Amino acid sequence: MKIRKGDTVKVIAGKDKGAEGKVIQVLREEQRVVVEGVNRIKKHTKVVQQGGRGGTTGGIITTEAPIHVSNVMLVEGNGVTRVGFRREDVLKRRPDGSTYAGTRSVRISRKTGKEI
């Protein structure tokens, strides 16, 4: 998945179109993300009595619900961009201290080509 926790994204479809927020959680199996301040729902909770201080109070809680990852785009600078990947050559170190040439994958902006 090209969107990660902590990324700032913009919603491009749905009832919250145009809203920007930070990714709180990534649900990889469902291909969904939870974005701060987007797709807010009200959840009704019961009072749970579990002896002592372990109980929770009841009421209506407002929380963010997941949205599909195809409905968000990564924000870079003052606009949005698609995300790509590039392999870079790096020097890696073995546990015994010797080094060898290897590659690592980095995320890049499709608009500018810079590393994200």
PDB file of N, CA and C in Angstrom:
ATOM      1  N   MET A   1       0.844  -1.176   0.000  1.00  0.00           N
ATOM      2  CA  MET A   1       0.000   0.000   0.000  1.00  0.00           C
ATOM      3  C   MET A   1       0.891   1.242   0.000  1.00  0.00           C
ATOM      4  N   LYS A   2       0.495   2.229  -0.766  1.00  0.00           N
ATOM      5  CA  LYS A   2       1.351   3.394  -0.962  1.00  0.00           C
ATOM      6  C   LYS A   2       1.156   4.489   0.088  1.00  0.00           C
ATOM      7  N   ILE A   3       0.079   4.413   0.851  1.00  0.00           N
ATOM      8  CA  ILE A   3      -0.178   5.380   1.917  1.00  0.00           C
ATOM      9  C   ILE A   3       0.241   4.756   3.242  1.00  0.00           C
ATOM     10  N   ARG A   4       0.930   5.537   4.068  1.00  0.00           N
ATOM     11  CA  ARG A   4       1.423   5.035   5.353  1.00  0.00           C
ATOM     12  C   ARG A   4       0.890   5.887   6.497  1.00  0.00           C
ATOM     13  N   LYS A   5       0.976   5.332   7.702  1.00  0.00           N
ATOM     14  CA  LYS A   5       0.576   6.053   8.904  1.00  0.00           C
ATOM     15  C   LYS A   5       1.438   7.305   9.049  1.00  0.00           C
ATOM     16  N   GLY A   6       0.800   8.433   9.348  1.00  0.00           N
ATOM     17  CA  GLY A   6       1.521   9.685   9.521  1.00  0.00           C
ATOM     18  C   GLY A   6       1.532  10.562   8.282  1.00  0.00           C
ATOM     19  N   ASP A   7       1.166  10.021   7.111  1.00  0.00           N
ATOM     20  CA  ASP A   7       1.105  10.812   5.879  1.00  0.00           C
ATOM     21  C   ASP A   7      -0.052  11.799   5.954  1.00  0.00           C
ATOM     22  N   THR A   8       0.117  12.951   5.327  1.00  0.00           N
ATOM     23  CA  THR A   8      -0.983  13.896   5.172  1.00  0.00           C
ATOM     24  C   THR A   8      -1.632  13.620   3.827  1.00  0.00           C
ATOM     25  N   VAL A   9      -2.943  13.401   3.840  1.00  0.00           N
ATOM     26  CA  VAL A   9      -3.657  13.042   2.618  1.00  0.00           C
ATOM     27  C   VAL A   9      -4.839  13.991   2.409  1.00  0.00           C
ATOM     28  N   LYS A  10      -5.306  14.029   1.158  1.00  0.00           N
ATOM     29  CA  LYS A  10      -6.486  14.820   0.789  1.00  0.00           C
ATOM     30  C   LYS A  10      -7.528  13.870   0.248  1.00  0.00           C
ATOM     31  N   VAL A  11      -8.787  14.039   0.679  1.00  0.00           N
ATOM     32  CA  VAL A  11      -9.888  13.193   0.216  1.00  0.00           C
ATOM     33  C   VAL A  11     -10.323  13.700  -1.153  1.00  0.00           C
ATOM     34  N   ILE A  12     -10.366  12.780  -2.145  1.00  0.00           N
ATOM     35  CA  ILE A  12     -10.698  13.175  -3.518  1.00  0.00           C
ATOM     36  C   ILE A  12     -12.077  12.702  -3.952  1.00  0.00           C
ATOM     37  N   ALA A  13     -12.773  11.923  -3.098  1.00  0.00           N
ATOM     38  CA  ALA A  13     -14.114  11.447  -3.443  1.00  0.00           C
ATOM     39  C   ALA A  13     -14.901  11.196  -2.171  1.00  0.00           C
ATOM     40  N   GLY A  14     -16.219  11.314  -2.262  1.00  0.00           N
ATOM     41  CA  GLY A  14     -17.086  11.032  -1.125  1.00  0.00           C
ATOM     42  C   GLY A  14     -17.621  12.292  -0.476  1.00  0.00           C
ATOM     43  N   LYS A  15     -18.290  12.116   0.653  1.00  0.00           N
ATOM     44  CA  LYS A  15     -18.952  13.241   1.312  1.00  0.00           C
ATOM     45  C   LYS A  15     -17.980  14.243   1.908  1.00  0.00           C
ATOM     46  N   ASP A  16     -16.754  13.826   2.192  1.00  0.00           N
ATOM     47  CA  ASP A  16     -15.740  14.720   2.759  1.00  0.00           C
ATOM     48  C   ASP A  16     -14.723  15.166   1.713  1.00  0.00           C
ATOM     49  N   LYS A  17     -15.113  15.199   0.452  1.00  0.00           N
ATOM     50  CA  LYS A  17     -14.210  15.567  -0.636  1.00  0.00           C
ATOM     51  C   LYS A  17     -13.585  16.933  -0.378  1.00  0.00           C
ATOM     52  N   GLY A  18     -12.265  17.006  -0.545  1.00  0.00           N
ATOM     53  CA  GLY A  18     -11.533  18.254  -0.336  1.00  0.00           C
ATOM     54  C   GLY A  18     -10.907  18.377   1.039  1.00  0.00           C
ATOM     55  N   ALA A  19     -11.303  17.531   1.980  1.00  0.00           N
ATOM     56  CA  ALA A  19     -10.764  17.608   3.342  1.00  0.00           C
ATOM     57  C   ALA A  19      -9.361  17.010   3.390  1.00  0.00           C
ATOM     58  N   GLU A  20      -8.507  17.609   4.215  1.00  0.00           N
ATOM     59  CA  GLU A  20      -7.153  17.110   4.416  1.00  0.00           C
ATOM     60  C   GLU A  20      -7.001  16.672   5.854  1.00  0.00           C
ATOM     61  N   GLY A  21      -6.179  15.658   6.062  1.00  0.00           N
ATOM     62  CA  GLY A  21      -5.925  15.177   7.419  1.00  0.00           C
ATOM     63  C   GLY A  21      -4.775  14.206   7.446  1.00  0.00           C
ATOM     64  N   LYS A  22      -4.377  13.862   8.652  1.00  0.00           N
ATOM     65  CA  LYS A  22      -3.265  12.941   8.859  1.00  0.00           C
ATOM     66  C   LYS A  22      -3.803  11.522   8.989  1.00  0.00           C
ATOM     67  N   VAL A  23      -3.090  10.553   8.417  1.00  0.00           N
ATOM     68  CA  VAL A  23      -3.500   9.152   8.502  1.00  0.00           C
ATOM     69  C   VAL A  23      -3.198   8.647   9.910  1.00  0.00           C
ATOM     70  N   ILE A  24      -4.240   8.182  10.613  1.00  0.00           N
ATOM     71  CA  ILE A  24      -4.105   7.669  11.974  1.00  0.00           C
ATOM     72  C   ILE A  24      -3.788   6.184  11.959  1.00  0.00           C
ATOM     73  N   GLN A  25      -4.432   5.459  11.053  1.00  0.00           N
ATOM     74  CA  GLN A  25      -4.320   4.001  11.030  1.00  0.00           C
ATOM     75  C   GLN A  25      -4.474   3.510   9.601  1.00  0.00           C
ATOM     76  N   VAL A  26      -3.717   2.448   9.253  1.00  0.00           N
ATOM     77  CA  VAL A  26      -3.819   1.819   7.944  1.00  0.00           C
ATOM     78  C   VAL A  26      -4.310   0.394   8.149  1.00  0.00           C
ATOM     79  N   LEU A  27      -5.436   0.044   7.506  1.00  0.00           N
ATOM     80  CA  LEU A  27      -5.991  -1.299   7.574  1.00  0.00           C
ATOM     81  C   LEU A  27      -5.649  -1.999   6.260  1.00  0.00           C
ATOM     82  N   ARG A  28      -4.523  -2.697   6.252  1.00  0.00           N
ATOM     83  CA  ARG A  28      -3.957  -3.261   5.034  1.00  0.00           C
ATOM     84  C   ARG A  28      -4.852  -4.301   4.379  1.00  0.00           C
ATOM     85  N   GLU A  29      -5.440  -5.192   5.171  1.00  0.00           N
ATOM     86  CA  GLU A  29      -6.262  -6.275   4.621  1.00  0.00           C
ATOM     87  C   GLU A  29      -7.515  -5.745   3.924  1.00  0.00           C
ATOM     88  N   GLU A  30      -8.120  -4.701   4.490  1.00  0.00           N
ATOM     89  CA  GLU A  30      -9.347  -4.139   3.914  1.00  0.00           C
ATOM     90  C   GLU A  30      -9.063  -3.022   2.920  1.00  0.00           C
ATOM     91  N   GLN A  31      -7.796  -2.648   2.731  1.00  0.00           N
ATOM     92  CA  GLN A  31      -7.374  -1.546   1.865  1.00  0.00           C
ATOM     93  C   GLN A  31      -8.084  -0.251   2.247  1.00  0.00           C
ATOM     94  N   ARG A  32      -8.080   0.041   3.534  1.00  0.00           N
ATOM     95  CA  ARG A  32      -8.727   1.243   4.041  1.00  0.00           C
ATOM     96  C   ARG A  32      -7.787   2.008   4.956  1.00  0.00           C
ATOM     97  N   VAL A  33      -8.046   3.301   5.113  1.00  0.00           N
ATOM     98  CA  VAL A  33      -7.267   4.141   6.011  1.00  0.00           C
ATOM     99  C   VAL A  33      -8.216   4.945   6.895  1.00  0.00           C
ATOM    100  N   VAL A  34      -7.757   5.263   8.101  1.00  0.00           N
ATOM    101  CA  VAL A  34      -8.504   6.122   9.013  1.00  0.00           C
ATOM    102  C   VAL A  34      -7.787   7.464   9.007  1.00  0.00           C
ATOM    103  N   VAL A  35      -8.509   8.525   8.600  1.00  0.00           N
ATOM    104  CA  VAL A  35      -7.928   9.854   8.478  1.00  0.00           C
ATOM    105  C   VAL A  35      -8.525  10.758   9.553  1.00  0.00           C
ATOM    106  N   GLU A  36      -7.663  11.543  10.175  1.00  0.00           N
ATOM    107  CA  GLU A  36      -8.058  12.436  11.262  1.00  0.00           C
ATOM    108  C   GLU A  36      -9.061  13.483  10.771  1.00  0.00           C
ATOM    109  N   GLY A  37     -10.238  13.535  11.392  1.00  0.00           N
ATOM    110  CA  GLY A  37     -11.251  14.535  11.070  1.00  0.00           C
ATOM    111  C   GLY A  37     -12.089  14.235   9.841  1.00  0.00           C
ATOM    112  N   VAL A  38     -11.947  13.049   9.250  1.00  0.00           N
ATOM    113  CA  VAL A  38     -12.670  12.699   8.029  1.00  0.00           C
ATOM    114  C   VAL A  38     -13.562  11.490   8.297  1.00  0.00           C
ATOM    115  N   ASN A  39     -14.762  11.471   7.707  1.00  0.00           N
ATOM    116  CA  ASN A  39     -15.725  10.365   7.837  1.00  0.00           C
ATOM    117  C   ASN A  39     -16.067  10.094   9.298  1.00  0.00           C
ATOM    118  N   ARG A  40     -16.445  11.154  10.005  1.00  0.00           N
ATOM    119  CA  ARG A  40     -16.769  11.023  11.430  1.00  0.00           C
ATOM    120  C   ARG A  40     -18.163  10.419  11.601  1.00  0.00           C
ATOM    121  N   ILE A  41     -18.255   9.474  12.529  1.00  0.00           N
ATOM    122  CA  ILE A  41     -19.522   8.807  12.823  1.00  0.00           C
ATOM    123  C   ILE A  41     -19.801   8.906  14.309  1.00  0.00           C
ATOM    124  N   LYS A  42     -21.077   8.723  14.672  1.00  0.00           N
ATOM    125  CA  LYS A  42     -21.461   8.708  16.084  1.00  0.00           C
ATOM    126  C   LYS A  42     -21.739   7.273  16.477  1.00  0.00           C
ATOM    127  N   LYS A  43     -21.122   6.844  17.571  1.00  0.00           N
ATOM    128  CA  LYS A  43     -21.267   5.472  18.038  1.00  0.00           C
ATOM    129  C   LYS A  43     -21.897   5.508  19.427  1.00  0.00           C
ATOM    130  N   HIS A  44     -22.983   4.745  19.600  1.00  0.00           N
ATOM    131  CA  HIS A  44     -23.671   4.688  20.882  1.00  0.00           C
ATOM    132  C   HIS A  44     -23.069   3.563  21.715  1.00  0.00           C
ATOM    133  N   THR A  45     -22.651   3.877  22.938  1.00  0.00           N
ATOM    134  CA  THR A  45     -22.018   2.874  23.799  1.00  0.00           C
ATOM    135  C   THR A  45     -22.835   2.678  25.067  1.00  0.00           C
ATOM    136  N   LYS A  46     -22.813   1.440  25.568  1.00  0.00           N
ATOM    137  CA  LYS A  46     -23.505   1.098  26.805  1.00  0.00           C
ATOM    138  C   LYS A  46     -22.595   1.330  27.995  1.00  0.00           C
ATOM    139  N   VAL A  47     -23.207   1.432  29.172  1.00  0.00           N
ATOM    140  CA  VAL A  47     -22.455   1.490  30.420  1.00  0.00           C
ATOM    141  C   VAL A  47     -22.042   0.064  30.767  1.00  0.00           C
ATOM    142  N   VAL A  48     -20.762  -0.156  31.005  1.00  0.00           N
ATOM    143  CA  VAL A  48     -20.257  -1.480  31.357  1.00  0.00           C
ATOM    144  C   VAL A  48     -19.784  -1.433  32.803  1.00  0.00           C
ATOM    145  N   GLN A  49     -20.395  -2.267  33.642  1.00  0.00           N
ATOM    146  CA  GLN A  49     -20.018  -2.329  35.061  1.00  0.00           C
ATOM    147  C   GLN A  49     -19.073  -3.504  35.267  1.00  0.00           C
ATOM    148  N   GLN A  50     -17.806  -3.221  35.510  1.00  0.00           N
ATOM    149  CA  GLN A  50     -16.831  -4.277  35.735  1.00  0.00           C
ATOM    150  C   GLN A  50     -16.102  -4.036  37.049  1.00  0.00           C
ATOM    151  N   GLY A  51     -16.745  -4.069  38.130  1.00  0.00           N
ATOM    152  CA  GLY A  51     -16.135  -3.925  39.451  1.00  0.00           C
ATOM    153  C   GLY A  51     -14.990  -2.934  39.530  1.00  0.00           C
ATOM    154  N   GLY A  52     -15.082  -1.986  40.404  1.00  0.00           N
ATOM    155  CA  GLY A  52     -14.010  -1.020  40.590  1.00  0.00           C
ATOM    156  C   GLY A  52     -14.000   0.042  39.502  1.00  0.00           C
ATOM    157  N   ARG A  53     -12.806   0.407  39.092  1.00  0.00           N
ATOM    158  CA  ARG A  53     -12.666   1.486  38.111  1.00  0.00           C
ATOM    159  C   ARG A  53     -12.650   0.979  36.669  1.00  0.00           C
ATOM    160  N   GLY A  54     -12.781  -0.308  36.469  1.00  0.00           N
ATOM    161  CA  GLY A  54     -12.708  -0.885  35.126  1.00  0.00           C
ATOM    162  C   GLY A  54     -13.909  -0.596  34.260  1.00  0.00           C
ATOM    163  N   GLY A  55     -14.977  -0.003  34.799  1.00  0.00           N
ATOM    164  CA  GLY A  55     -16.182   0.256  34.025  1.00  0.00           C
ATOM    165  C   GLY A  55     -16.026   1.430  33.094  1.00  0.00           C
ATOM    166  N   THR A  56     -16.841   1.451  32.041  1.00  0.00           N
ATOM    167  CA  THR A  56     -16.834   2.571  31.111  1.00  0.00           C
ATOM    168  C   THR A  56     -18.177   3.275  31.187  1.00  0.00           C
ATOM    169  N   THR A  57     -18.152   4.553  30.924  1.00  0.00           N
ATOM    170  CA  THR A  57     -19.398   5.307  30.937  1.00  0.00           C
ATOM    171  C   THR A  57     -20.058   5.203  29.575  1.00  0.00           C
ATOM    172  N   GLY A  58     -21.355   5.269  29.564  1.00  0.00           N
ATOM    173  CA  GLY A  58     -22.100   5.166  28.321  1.00  0.00           C
ATOM    174  C   GLY A  58     -22.297   6.525  27.694  1.00  0.00           C
ATOM    175  N   GLY A  59     -22.827   6.522  26.487  1.00  0.00           N
ATOM    176  CA  GLY A  59     -23.102   7.776  25.812  1.00  0.00           C
ATOM    177  C   GLY A  59     -22.841   7.680  24.333  1.00  0.00           C
ATOM    178  N   ILE A  60     -22.767   8.832  23.698  1.00  0.00           N
ATOM    179  CA  ILE A  60     -22.529   8.901  22.261  1.00  0.00           C
ATOM    180  C   ILE A  60     -21.099   9.388  22.042  1.00  0.00           C
ATOM    181  N   ILE A  61     -20.322   8.587  21.315  1.00  0.00           N
ATOM    182  CA  ILE A  61     -18.925   8.912  21.041  1.00  0.00           C
ATOM    183  C   ILE A  61     -18.783   9.199  19.551  1.00  0.00           C
ATOM    184  N   THR A  62     -18.129  10.310  19.219  1.00  0.00           N
ATOM    185  CA  THR A  62     -17.855  10.634  17.822  1.00  0.00           C
ATOM    186  C   THR A  62     -16.448  10.165  17.491  1.00  0.00           C
ATOM    187  N   THR A  63     -16.314   9.379  16.424  1.00  0.00           N
ATOM    188  CA  THR A  63     -15.016   8.821  16.044  1.00  0.00           C
ATOM    189  C   THR A  63     -14.893   8.769  14.526  1.00  0.00           C
ATOM    190  N   GLU A  64     -13.677   8.567  14.043  1.00  0.00           N
ATOM    191  CA  GLU A  64     -13.436   8.461  12.601  1.00  0.00           C
ATOM    192  C   GLU A  64     -13.615   7.025  12.145  1.00  0.00           C
ATOM    193  N   ALA A  65     -14.271   6.855  10.998  1.00  0.00           N
ATOM    194  CA  ALA A  65     -14.450   5.533  10.401  1.00  0.00           C
ATOM    195  C   ALA A  65     -13.480   5.408   9.221  1.00  0.00           C
ATOM    196  N   PRO A  66     -13.111   4.178   8.859  1.00  0.00           N
ATOM    197  CA  PRO A  66     -12.177   4.001   7.744  1.00  0.00           C
ATOM    198  C   PRO A  66     -12.798   4.364   6.395  1.00  0.00           C
ATOM    199  N   ILE A  67     -11.957   4.858   5.472  1.00  0.00           N
ATOM    200  CA  ILE A  67     -12.378   5.102   4.101  1.00  0.00           C
ATOM    201  C   ILE A  67     -11.421   4.358   3.170  1.00  0.00           C
ATOM    202  N   HIS A  68     -11.873   4.065   1.966  1.00  0.00           N
ATOM    203  CA  HIS A  68     -11.055   3.294   1.035  1.00  0.00           C
ATOM    204  C   HIS A  68      -9.852   4.111   0.576  1.00  0.00           C
ATOM    205  N   VAL A  69      -8.732   3.442   0.421  1.00  0.00           N
ATOM    206  CA  VAL A  69      -7.478   4.114   0.081  1.00  0.00           C
ATOM    207  C   VAL A  69      -7.533   4.764  -1.301  1.00  0.00           C
ATOM    208  N   SER A  70      -8.409   4.295  -2.191  1.00  0.00           N
ATOM    209  CA  SER A  70      -8.519   4.892  -3.519  1.00  0.00           C
ATOM    210  C   SER A  70      -9.178   6.269  -3.468  1.00  0.00           C
ATOM    211  N   ASN A  71      -9.783   6.628  -2.343  1.00  0.00           N
ATOM    212  CA  ASN A  71     -10.447   7.924  -2.215  1.00  0.00           C
ATOM    213  C   ASN A  71      -9.556   9.001  -1.610  1.00  0.00           C
ATOM    214  N   VAL A  72      -8.268   8.705  -1.419  1.00  0.00           N
ATOM    215  CA  VAL A  72      -7.339   9.694  -0.868  1.00  0.00           C
ATOM    216  C   VAL A  72      -6.095   9.783  -1.747  1.00  0.00           C
ATOM    217  N   MET A  73      -5.452  10.972  -1.720  1.00  0.00           N
ATOM    218  CA  MET A  73      -4.183  11.184  -2.406  1.00  0.00           C
ATOM    219  C   MET A  73      -3.217  11.853  -1.451  1.00  0.00           C
ATOM    220  N   LEU A  74      -1.941  11.537  -1.608  1.00  0.00           N
ATOM    221  CA  LEU A  74      -0.894  12.083  -0.751  1.00  0.00           C
ATOM    222  C   LEU A  74      -0.684  13.561  -1.049  1.00  0.00           C
ATOM    223  N   VAL A  75      -0.557  14.373   0.013  1.00  0.00           N
ATOM    224  CA  VAL A  75      -0.305  15.802  -0.134  1.00  0.00           C
ATOM    225  C   VAL A  75       1.200  16.032  -0.095  1.00  0.00           C
ATOM    226  N   GLU A  76       1.702  16.764  -1.114  1.00  0.00           N
ATOM    227  CA  GLU A  76       3.113  17.117  -1.164  1.00  0.00           C
ATOM    228  C   GLU A  76       3.213  18.596  -1.497  1.00  0.00           C
ATOM    229  N   GLY A  77       3.834  19.362  -0.624  1.00  0.00           N
ATOM    230  CA  GLY A  77       3.923  20.808  -0.845  1.00  0.00           C
ATOM    231  C   GLY A  77       2.541  21.427  -0.742  1.00  0.00           C
ATOM    232  N   ASN A  78       2.084  22.082  -1.831  1.00  0.00           N
ATOM    233  CA  ASN A  78       0.755  22.705  -1.793  1.00  0.00           C
ATOM    234  C   ASN A  78      -0.247  21.986  -2.679  1.00  0.00           C
ATOM    235  N   GLY A  79       0.104  20.784  -3.188  1.00  0.00           N
ATOM    236  CA  GLY A  79      -0.815  20.023  -4.033  1.00  0.00           C
ATOM    237  C   GLY A  79      -0.754  18.543  -3.703  1.00  0.00           C
ATOM    238  N   VAL A  80      -1.444  17.766  -4.522  1.00  0.00           N
ATOM    239  CA  VAL A  80      -1.456  16.314  -4.316  1.00  0.00           C
ATOM    240  C   VAL A  80      -0.596  15.645  -5.379  1.00  0.00           C
ATOM    241  N   THR A  81      -0.151  14.434  -5.080  1.00  0.00           N
ATOM    242  CA  THR A  81       0.694  13.700  -6.008  1.00  0.00           C
ATOM    243  C   THR A  81       0.425  12.214  -5.906  1.00  0.00           C
ATOM    244  N   ARG A  82       0.742  11.505  -6.984  1.00  0.00           N
ATOM    245  CA  ARG A  82       0.716  10.054  -6.941  1.00  0.00           C
ATOM    246  C   ARG A  82       2.025   9.564  -6.341  1.00  0.00           C
ATOM    247  N   VAL A  83       2.033   8.324  -5.891  1.00  0.00           N
ATOM    248  CA  VAL A  83       3.212   7.762  -5.238  1.00  0.00           C
ATOM    249  C   VAL A  83       3.792   6.669  -6.115  1.00  0.00           C
ATOM    250  N   GLY A  84       5.114   6.697  -6.276  1.00  0.00           N
ATOM    251  CA  GLY A  84       5.811   5.656  -7.013  1.00  0.00           C
ATOM    252  C   GLY A  84       6.944   5.120  -6.158  1.00  0.00           C
ATOM    253  N   PHE A  85       7.654   4.129  -6.685  1.00  0.00           N
ATOM    254  CA  PHE A  85       8.777   3.542  -5.964  1.00  0.00           C
ATOM    255  C   PHE A  85       9.987   3.500  -6.873  1.00  0.00           C
ATOM    256  N   ARG A  86      11.179   3.629  -6.279  1.00  0.00           N
ATOM    257  CA  ARG A  86      12.433   3.550  -7.010  1.00  0.00           C
ATOM    258  C   ARG A  86      13.423   2.759  -6.169  1.00  0.00           C
ATOM    259  N   ARG A  87      14.244   1.946  -6.836  1.00  0.00           N
ATOM    260  CA  ARG A  87      15.283   1.180  -6.149  1.00  0.00           C
ATOM    261  C   ARG A  87      16.564   2.000  -6.139  1.00  0.00           C
ATOM    262  N   GLU A  88      17.205   2.137  -4.963  1.00  0.00           N
ATOM    263  CA  GLU A  88      18.452   2.878  -4.833  1.00  0.00           C
ATOM    264  C   GLU A  88      19.548   1.957  -4.339  1.00  0.00           C
ATOM    265  N   ASP A  89      20.746   2.151  -4.861  1.00  0.00           N
ATOM    266  CA  ASP A  89      21.900   1.378  -4.413  1.00  0.00           C
ATOM    267  C   ASP A  89      22.400   1.944  -3.091  1.00  0.00           C
ATOM    268  N   VAL A  90      22.625   1.058  -2.119  1.00  0.00           N
ATOM    269  CA  VAL A  90      23.126   1.461  -0.812  1.00  0.00           C
ATOM    270  C   VAL A  90      24.204   0.482  -0.365  1.00  0.00           C
ATOM    271  N   LEU A  91      24.979   0.892   0.633  1.00  0.00           N
ATOM    272  CA  LEU A  91      25.990   0.033   1.222  1.00  0.00           C
ATOM    273  C   LEU A  91      25.406  -0.568   2.487  1.00  0.00           C
ATOM    274  N   LYS A  92      25.301  -1.890   2.546  1.00  0.00           N
ATOM    275  CA  LYS A  92      24.720  -2.564   3.706  1.00  0.00           C
ATOM    276  C   LYS A  92      25.822  -3.204   4.535  1.00  0.00           C
ATOM    277  N   ARG A  93      25.532  -3.423   5.823  1.00  0.00           N
ATOM    278  CA  ARG A  93      26.513  -3.966   6.747  1.00  0.00           C
ATOM    279  C   ARG A  93      26.036  -5.295   7.308  1.00  0.00           C
ATOM    280  N   ARG A  94      26.931  -6.279   7.309  1.00  0.00           N
ATOM    281  CA  ARG A  94      26.632  -7.590   7.885  1.00  0.00           C
ATOM    282  C   ARG A  94      26.898  -7.552   9.382  1.00  0.00           C
ATOM    283  N   PRO A  95      26.379  -8.538  10.131  1.00  0.00           N
ATOM    284  CA  PRO A  95      26.622  -8.566  11.587  1.00  0.00           C
ATOM    285  C   PRO A  95      28.108  -8.646  11.966  1.00  0.00           C
ATOM    286  N   ASP A  96      28.932  -9.242  11.096  1.00  0.00           N
ATOM    287  CA  ASP A  96      30.360  -9.340  11.416  1.00  0.00           C
ATOM    288  C   ASP A  96      31.134  -8.064  11.102  1.00  0.00           C
ATOM    289  N   GLY A  97      30.456  -7.033  10.546  1.00  0.00           N
ATOM    290  CA  GLY A  97      31.101  -5.750  10.286  1.00  0.00           C
ATOM    291  C   GLY A  97      31.461  -5.512   8.835  1.00  0.00           C
ATOM    292  N   SER A  98      31.465  -6.556   8.010  1.00  0.00           N
ATOM    293  CA  SER A  98      31.790  -6.360   6.599  1.00  0.00           C
ATOM    294  C   SER A  98      30.612  -5.709   5.880  1.00  0.00           C
ATOM    295  N   THR A  99      30.916  -5.052   4.756  1.00  0.00           N
ATOM    296  CA  THR A  99      29.868  -4.359   4.002  1.00  0.00           C
ATOM    297  C   THR A  99      29.721  -4.970   2.608  1.00  0.00           C
ATOM    298  N   TYR A 100      28.540  -4.733   2.016  1.00  0.00           N
ATOM    299  CA  TYR A 100      28.275  -5.204   0.663  1.00  0.00           C
ATOM    300  C   TYR A 100      27.282  -4.248   0.000  1.00  0.00           C
ATOM    301  N   ALA A 101      27.249  -4.261  -1.335  1.00  0.00           N
ATOM    302  CA  ALA A 101      26.341  -3.395  -2.084  1.00  0.00           C
ATOM    303  C   ALA A 101      24.968  -4.055  -2.160  1.00  0.00           C
ATOM    304  N   GLY A 102      23.943  -3.276  -1.874  1.00  0.00           N
ATOM    305  CA  GLY A 102      22.569  -3.767  -1.940  1.00  0.00           C
ATOM    306  C   GLY A 102      21.669  -2.670  -2.460  1.00  0.00           C
ATOM    307  N   THR A 103      20.373  -2.957  -2.504  1.00  0.00           N
ATOM    308  CA  THR A 103      19.411  -1.951  -2.943  1.00  0.00           C
ATOM    309  C   THR A 103      18.303  -1.837  -1.911  1.00  0.00           C
ATOM    310  N   ARG A 104      17.672  -0.668  -1.877  1.00  0.00           N
ATOM    311  CA  ARG A 104      16.502  -0.470  -1.026  1.00  0.00           C
ATOM    312  C   ARG A 104      15.454   0.281  -1.825  1.00  0.00           C
ATOM    313  N   SER A 105      14.206   0.074  -1.473  1.00  0.00           N
ATOM    314  CA  SER A 105      13.096   0.691  -2.167  1.00  0.00           C
ATOM    315  C   SER A 105      12.704   1.980  -1.445  1.00  0.00           C
ATOM    316  N   VAL A 106      12.548   3.073  -2.186  1.00  0.00           N
ATOM    317  CA  VAL A 106      12.137   4.346  -1.594  1.00  0.00           C
ATOM    318  C   VAL A 106      10.889   4.854  -2.302  1.00  0.00           C
ATOM    319  N   ARG A 107      10.035   5.542  -1.542  1.00  0.00           N
ATOM    320  CA  ARG A 107       8.840   6.145  -2.121  1.00  0.00           C
ATOM    321  C   ARG A 107       9.229   7.463  -2.777  1.00  0.00           C
ATOM    322  N   ILE A 108       8.677   7.718  -3.963  1.00  0.00           N
ATOM    323  CA  ILE A 108       8.952   8.970  -4.653  1.00  0.00           C
ATOM    324  C   ILE A 108       7.646   9.622  -5.082  1.00  0.00           C
ATOM    325  N   SER A 109       7.724  10.932  -5.276  1.00  0.00           N
ATOM    326  CA  SER A 109       6.587  11.681  -5.794  1.00  0.00           C
ATOM    327  C   SER A 109       6.592  11.570  -7.311  1.00  0.00           C
ATOM    328  N   ARG A 110       5.464  11.199  -7.902  1.00  0.00           N
ATOM    329  CA  ARG A 110       5.370  11.104  -9.352  1.00  0.00           C
ATOM    330  C   ARG A 110       5.397  12.493  -9.997  1.00  0.00           C
ATOM    331  N   LYS A 111       5.015  13.522  -9.251  1.00  0.00           N
ATOM    332  CA  LYS A 111       4.976  14.875  -9.797  1.00  0.00           C
ATOM    333  C   LYS A 111       6.373  15.482  -9.897  1.00  0.00           C
ATOM    334  N   THR A 112       7.176  15.337  -8.813  1.00  0.00           N
ATOM    335  CA  THR A 112       8.491  15.980  -8.780  1.00  0.00           C
ATOM    336  C   THR A 112       9.644  14.991  -8.916  1.00  0.00           C
ATOM    337  N   GLY A 113       9.413  13.710  -8.639  1.00  0.00           N
ATOM    338  CA  GLY A 113      10.481  12.714  -8.702  1.00  0.00           C
ATOM    339  C   GLY A 113      11.332  12.659  -7.442  1.00  0.00           C
ATOM    340  N   LYS A 114      11.011  13.502  -6.467  1.00  0.00           N
ATOM    341  CA  LYS A 114      11.790  13.540  -5.215  1.00  0.00           C
ATOM    342  C   LYS A 114      11.340  12.451  -4.261  1.00  0.00           C
ATOM    343  N   GLU A 115      12.245  12.087  -3.347  1.00  0.00           N
ATOM    344  CA  GLU A 115      11.929  11.073  -2.331  1.00  0.00           C
ATOM    345  C   GLU A 115      10.988  11.661  -1.297  1.00  0.00           C
ATOM    346  N   ILE A 116      10.017  10.860  -0.873  1.00  0.00           N
ATOM    347  CA  ILE A 116       9.028  11.295   0.131  1.00  0.00           C
ATOM    348  C   ILE A 116       9.516  10.892   1.500  1.00  0.00           C
TER     349      ILE A 116
END
